[in-house]
Amino acid sequence: MMGEPAKALKPLSLEEYLAWETRSTTKHELVEGLPYAMAGASRAHNLVVSHLHYLLYPLARRKGCRLYVADMKLKVGERTVYYPDLMAVCAPPLENPYYEEAPCLVVEVLSESTEGVDRREKLWRYLALPSLEGYLLVSALERRAELYRKGEEGVLYQAFTDGEVPLPCLEGALPLEEVYAGVDLEPRPG
């Protein structure tokens, strides 16, 4: 059996990626110049994101911040752009309307297919952003939230399985009971 002919991969510049992405019918994240198609999300993932938006929106609005859900790009480097599940941005808007680059809070909802990237690659890229005060991981696999908060001592880590998660930047708390209300969590492969 014969394979497809080899294709030369040429990394895209930020401008090339943005132009290409506006024409694409599939969303892609850009990692070091290479586009990666994004997979669809499960029912549990979507419900958790919806609940998070509902709970975080009043806090963001009260502080005069913008809260984006899933479709706004976050530029974390000259050749790397992600689509976080949610992000709060309190800085003035950029001239370019297709991405942000100064969030104070980024939230990713963990699923089987995204957990590794969210915990490794995105963790360190997000924490390197000067504006970021907190990175929140909320699981769609189990009732659990993990907060990486920047502080004077460095990055502080906390895990929560019940109660409320204190939110840096938005000056409020996230009740886990409400995040998971009516959500049948994704089963882990057995």
Protein backbone atom coordinates (compact mmCIF):
# COMPACT_ATOMS: atom_id res chain seq x y z
CA MET A 1 0.00 0.00 0.00
CA MET A 2 1.32 3.38 -0.96
CA GLY A 3 1.21 6.41 1.36
CA GLU A 4 0.39 9.96 0.47
CA PRO A 5 3.20 12.08 -0.94
CA ALA A 6 5.25 13.86 1.71
CA LYS A 7 4.30 17.49 2.31
CA ALA A 8 6.67 20.12 3.61
CA LEU A 9 5.33 21.73 6.79
CA LYS A 10 6.01 25.43 6.96
CA PRO A 11 5.22 27.13 10.25
CA LEU A 12 2.65 29.91 9.97
CA SER A 13 3.24 33.42 11.20
CA LEU A 14 0.61 34.90 13.50
CA GLU A 15 -0.80 36.96 10.62
CA GLU A 16 -0.98 33.92 8.29
CA TYR A 17 -2.68 31.86 11.01
CA LEU A 18 -5.27 34.56 11.78
CA ALA A 19 -6.13 34.99 8.09
CA TRP A 20 -6.33 31.20 7.57
CA GLU A 21 -8.38 30.65 10.73
CA THR A 22 -11.04 33.20 9.70
CA ARG A 23 -11.69 31.11 6.56
CA SER A 24 -11.52 27.69 8.23
CA THR A 25 -14.65 25.72 9.10
CA THR A 26 -12.71 23.99 11.91
CA LYS A 27 -11.09 25.75 14.88
CA HIS A 28 -7.32 25.32 15.22
CA GLU A 29 -4.90 26.23 17.96
CA LEU A 30 -1.46 27.38 16.85
CA VAL A 31 1.52 25.84 18.64
CA GLU A 32 4.95 27.15 17.64
CA GLY A 33 3.60 28.03 14.20
CA LEU A 34 1.82 24.73 13.52
CA PRO A 35 -2.00 24.55 13.50
CA TYR A 36 -3.76 21.75 15.40
CA ALA A 37 -7.45 21.03 14.84
CA MET A 38 -9.61 21.06 17.96
CA ALA A 39 -11.85 18.12 18.79
CA GLY A 40 -15.50 18.45 19.72
CA ALA A 41 -16.45 18.38 23.40
CA SER A 42 -18.68 16.03 25.41
CA ARG A 43 -22.01 16.91 27.02
CA ALA A 44 -20.36 17.05 30.48
CA HIS A 45 -17.64 19.39 29.19
CA ASN A 46 -20.19 21.72 27.58
CA LEU A 47 -22.41 21.82 30.66
CA VAL A 48 -19.49 22.59 32.96
CA VAL A 49 -18.37 25.42 30.64
CA SER A 50 -21.95 26.76 30.53
CA HIS A 51 -22.25 26.70 34.32
CA LEU A 52 -18.86 28.40 34.70
CA HIS A 53 -19.90 31.18 32.33
CA TYR A 54 -23.17 31.68 34.18
CA LEU A 55 -21.37 31.87 37.54
CA LEU A 56 -18.37 33.97 36.45
CA TYR A 57 -20.16 36.50 34.23
CA PRO A 58 -21.66 38.61 37.06
CA LEU A 59 -18.25 38.77 38.80
CA ALA A 60 -16.49 39.83 35.60
CA ARG A 61 -19.11 42.42 34.77
CA ARG A 62 -18.99 43.91 38.28
CA LYS A 63 -15.22 44.43 37.85
CA GLY A 64 -15.56 45.87 34.35
CA CYS A 65 -13.86 42.84 32.76
CA ARG A 66 -14.73 40.88 29.63
CA LEU A 67 -15.46 37.14 29.96
CA TYR A 68 -14.91 35.04 26.85
CA VAL A 69 -16.14 31.51 26.24
CA ALA A 70 -14.33 29.07 23.93
CA ASP A 71 -14.30 31.11 20.71
CA MET A 72 -11.86 33.91 21.57
CA LYS A 73 -8.21 33.25 20.86
CA LEU A 74 -5.49 33.89 23.44
CA LYS A 75 -2.07 34.79 22.08
CA VAL A 76 0.59 33.43 24.43
CA GLY A 77 3.57 33.90 22.11
CA GLU A 78 4.46 35.12 18.64
CA ARG A 79 3.70 31.67 17.19
CA THR A 80 1.33 30.17 19.78
CA VAL A 81 -2.41 30.84 20.12
CA TYR A 82 -4.98 28.87 22.13
CA TYR A 83 -8.75 28.87 22.55
CA PRO A 84 -9.23 28.67 26.35
CA ASP A 85 -12.59 27.40 27.57
CA LEU A 86 -13.04 30.69 29.47
CA MET A 87 -10.90 33.73 30.14
CA ALA A 88 -11.42 36.98 31.98
CA VAL A 89 -9.68 40.06 30.60
CA CYS A 90 -9.68 43.33 32.52
CA ALA A 91 -7.09 45.12 30.36
CA PRO A 92 -8.26 47.51 27.62
CA PRO A 93 -9.18 45.77 24.33
CA LEU A 94 -6.47 45.27 21.72
CA GLU A 95 -6.67 46.76 18.24
CA ASN A 96 -6.92 43.26 16.76
CA PRO A 97 -10.47 41.99 17.43
CA TYR A 98 -9.59 38.29 16.96
CA TYR A 99 -7.45 37.63 20.02
CA GLU A 100 -6.57 38.76 23.52
CA GLU A 101 -3.18 38.58 25.22
CA ALA A 102 -3.61 39.89 28.78
CA PRO A 103 -6.12 37.73 30.72
CA CYS A 104 -6.14 37.83 34.51
CA LEU A 105 -7.90 34.44 34.79
CA VAL A 106 -7.89 31.48 32.40
CA VAL A 107 -10.13 28.44 32.91
CA GLU A 108 -9.75 25.12 31.10
CA VAL A 109 -12.23 22.27 31.54
CA LEU A 110 -10.40 18.97 31.62
CA SER A 111 -11.59 16.08 29.49
CA GLU A 112 -9.91 12.83 28.55
CA SER A 113 -8.56 14.26 25.29
CA THR A 114 -7.34 17.64 26.63
CA GLU A 115 -6.12 16.93 30.16
CA GLY A 116 -2.48 16.27 29.26
CA VAL A 117 -2.04 19.45 27.21
CA ASP A 118 -3.97 21.58 29.74
CA ARG A 119 -1.81 20.33 32.64
CA ARG A 120 1.57 20.58 30.91
CA GLU A 121 1.93 22.73 27.83
CA LYS A 122 -0.79 25.29 28.57
CA LEU A 123 -0.04 25.49 32.31
CA TRP A 124 3.44 26.94 31.83
CA ARG A 125 2.55 29.10 28.84
CA TYR A 126 -0.40 30.65 30.67
CA LEU A 127 1.53 31.18 33.90
CA ALA A 128 4.23 33.02 31.91
CA LEU A 129 1.71 35.74 30.98
CA PRO A 130 2.48 38.83 33.11
CA SER A 131 -1.23 39.71 33.46
CA LEU A 132 -2.33 36.26 34.66
CA GLU A 133 -3.31 35.98 38.32
CA GLY A 134 -4.86 32.51 38.19
CA TYR A 135 -5.21 29.40 36.06
CA LEU A 136 -8.19 27.23 36.99
CA LEU A 137 -8.60 23.63 35.86
CA VAL A 138 -12.12 22.23 36.28
CA SER A 139 -12.61 18.54 35.57
CA ALA A 140 -15.40 17.05 33.46
CA LEU A 141 -14.15 13.61 34.59
CA GLU A 142 -14.55 13.98 38.35
CA ARG A 143 -15.80 16.59 40.79
CA ARG A 144 -12.56 18.54 41.19
CA ALA A 145 -11.14 22.00 40.55
CA GLU A 146 -7.47 22.97 40.75
CA LEU A 147 -6.23 26.52 41.06
CA TYR A 148 -2.75 27.78 40.21
CA ARG A 149 -2.50 31.25 41.70
CA LYS A 150 0.42 33.63 41.26
CA GLY A 151 1.62 35.13 44.52
CA GLU A 152 4.66 36.74 46.09
CA GLU A 153 5.94 33.26 47.00
CA GLY A 154 5.62 32.07 43.41
CA VAL A 155 2.85 29.86 42.06
CA LEU A 156 0.53 28.42 44.70
CA TYR A 157 -1.50 25.27 43.97
CA GLN A 158 -4.81 24.30 45.60
CA ALA A 159 -7.22 21.45 44.82
CA PHE A 160 -10.94 21.52 45.69
CA THR A 161 -13.54 18.73 45.67
CA ASP A 162 -16.30 20.66 47.45
CA GLY A 163 -17.06 24.08 48.85
CA GLU A 164 -16.01 27.24 47.04
CA VAL A 165 -12.97 28.07 44.93
CA PRO A 166 -11.59 31.57 45.62
CA LEU A 167 -11.09 33.41 42.35
CA PRO A 168 -8.11 35.65 41.80
CA CYS A 169 -8.76 38.75 39.72
CA LEU A 170 -12.57 38.52 39.82
CA GLU A 171 -12.72 38.85 43.62
CA GLY A 172 -15.34 36.23 44.22
CA ALA A 173 -15.77 32.52 44.78
CA LEU A 174 -16.94 29.66 42.61
CA PRO A 175 -19.36 27.21 44.30
CA LEU A 176 -18.51 23.72 43.06
CA GLU A 177 -22.03 22.47 43.86
CA GLU A 178 -23.37 24.83 41.19
CA VAL A 179 -20.61 24.05 38.69
CA TYR A 180 -21.60 20.37 38.70
CA ALA A 181 -25.38 20.73 39.12
CA GLY A 182 -27.10 18.27 36.76
CA VAL A 183 -23.82 17.16 35.15
CA ASP A 184 -23.18 13.46 34.50
CA LEU A 185 -19.40 13.38 34.51
CA GLU A 186 -17.48 11.77 31.64
CA PRO A 187 -16.65 8.15 32.39
CA ARG A 188 -12.95 7.38 32.55
CA PRO A 189 -11.96 4.61 30.15
CA GLY A 190 -11.85 1.35 32.06
